[in-house]
Protein backbone atom coordinates (compact mmCIF):
# COMPACT_ATOMS: atom_id res chain seq x y z
CA MET A 1 -6.47 7.52 9.25
CA ARG A 2 -8.35 9.96 11.43
CA PRO A 3 -6.05 11.97 13.74
CA MET A 4 -6.17 11.40 17.47
CA ARG A 5 -8.51 13.87 19.19
CA ARG A 6 -6.24 14.40 22.22
CA GLN A 7 -2.87 15.01 20.58
CA ASP A 8 -1.47 16.01 23.99
CA ARG A 9 -1.79 12.32 25.02
CA ALA A 10 -0.25 10.82 21.90
CA VAL A 11 2.81 8.63 22.47
CA THR A 12 5.24 9.37 19.66
CA ASP A 13 8.64 8.57 21.17
CA PRO A 14 9.87 5.33 19.52
CA GLU A 15 11.44 4.05 22.77
CA LYS A 16 8.18 4.56 24.69
CA ILE A 17 6.20 2.86 21.94
CA GLN A 18 8.61 -0.08 22.04
CA ALA A 19 8.31 -0.28 25.84
CA VAL A 20 4.51 -0.42 25.65
CA ILE A 21 4.59 -3.15 22.99
CA ASP A 22 7.19 -5.12 24.97
CA ALA A 23 4.94 -5.03 28.06
CA CYS A 24 1.98 -6.53 26.18
CA GLU A 25 1.23 -10.24 26.28
CA VAL A 26 -1.96 -10.47 24.22
CA CYS A 27 -3.14 -8.91 21.01
CA ARG A 28 -6.75 -8.88 19.92
CA LEU A 29 -7.30 -8.94 16.17
CA GLY A 30 -10.54 -7.51 14.85
CA PHE A 31 -12.06 -8.30 11.47
CA GLN A 32 -15.18 -7.13 9.65
CA ASP A 33 -17.31 -10.23 9.07
CA GLY A 34 -20.45 -9.43 7.10
CA ARG A 35 -22.63 -7.25 9.31
CA GLY A 36 -20.67 -8.09 12.46
CA VAL A 37 -17.18 -8.02 13.88
CA TYR A 38 -14.97 -11.02 14.66
CA VAL A 39 -12.43 -10.40 17.43
CA VAL A 40 -9.93 -13.05 18.47
CA PRO A 41 -7.13 -12.91 21.10
CA VAL A 42 -3.75 -14.15 19.86
CA ASN A 43 -0.16 -14.31 21.00
CA PHE A 44 2.24 -12.30 18.89
CA GLY A 45 5.82 -11.54 18.02
CA HIS A 46 7.12 -8.10 17.09
CA THR A 47 10.13 -6.52 15.46
CA VAL A 48 11.07 -3.17 13.96
CA GLU A 49 12.57 -3.12 10.47
CA GLY A 50 13.45 0.12 8.73
CA GLY A 51 11.50 2.10 11.32
CA ARG A 52 8.31 0.07 10.71
CA HIS A 53 6.65 -2.10 13.34
CA ILE A 54 6.06 -5.63 12.08
CA PHE A 55 3.80 -7.98 14.03
CA TYR A 56 3.65 -11.75 13.70
CA PHE A 57 0.50 -13.57 14.81
CA HIS A 58 -0.14 -17.23 15.46
CA GLY A 59 -2.39 -18.71 12.84
CA ALA A 60 -2.80 -21.16 9.98
CA ALA A 61 -2.55 -20.54 6.25
CA GLU A 62 -6.28 -21.19 6.04
CA GLY A 63 -9.25 -20.47 8.25
CA ARG A 64 -11.51 -17.64 9.32
CA LYS A 65 -8.80 -15.03 10.11
CA VAL A 66 -7.00 -15.48 6.80
CA ASP A 67 -10.28 -15.60 4.86
CA LEU A 68 -11.39 -12.29 6.37
CA VAL A 69 -8.07 -10.54 5.72
CA ARG A 70 -8.10 -11.74 2.12
CA ARG A 71 -11.72 -10.66 1.65
CA ASN A 72 -11.46 -7.22 3.31
CA GLY A 73 -7.76 -6.40 2.86
CA TRP A 74 -7.36 -5.17 6.45
CA ALA A 75 -7.69 -5.98 10.15
CA GLY A 76 -7.57 -3.93 13.33
CA PHE A 77 -5.67 -4.78 16.48
CA GLU A 78 -5.49 -3.91 20.16
CA LEU A 79 -2.69 -4.73 22.61
CA ASP A 80 -3.25 -5.49 26.31
CA THR A 81 -0.99 -4.51 29.18
CA GLY A 82 -1.30 -3.45 32.80
CA TYR A 83 -4.30 -5.58 33.61
CA ARG A 84 -4.90 -7.73 36.67
CA LEU A 85 -7.73 -9.67 38.19
CA GLN A 86 -9.71 -7.56 40.64
CA GLY A 87 -11.37 -9.72 43.29
CA ALA A 88 -14.65 -8.91 44.97
CA GLU A 89 -16.69 -10.29 47.84
């Protein structure tokens, strides 16, 4: 993995990482799908076992998400927190 450009902004404290994850309600999974990208928002569960973060995502044993993970061997993810609807006139 490529190192973060701004190391001074990296969050490395396990308690802070856990607090950020706990504050998130939605995860977006991203998959390479041919020449494009398939991104889908999902709910998730999370635990830490042996110092490793383990995420659980809603999904079936068959379908597009599973097909893409099996084909490519990987997926990316993004967690959302601290958002709110901003109204305008």
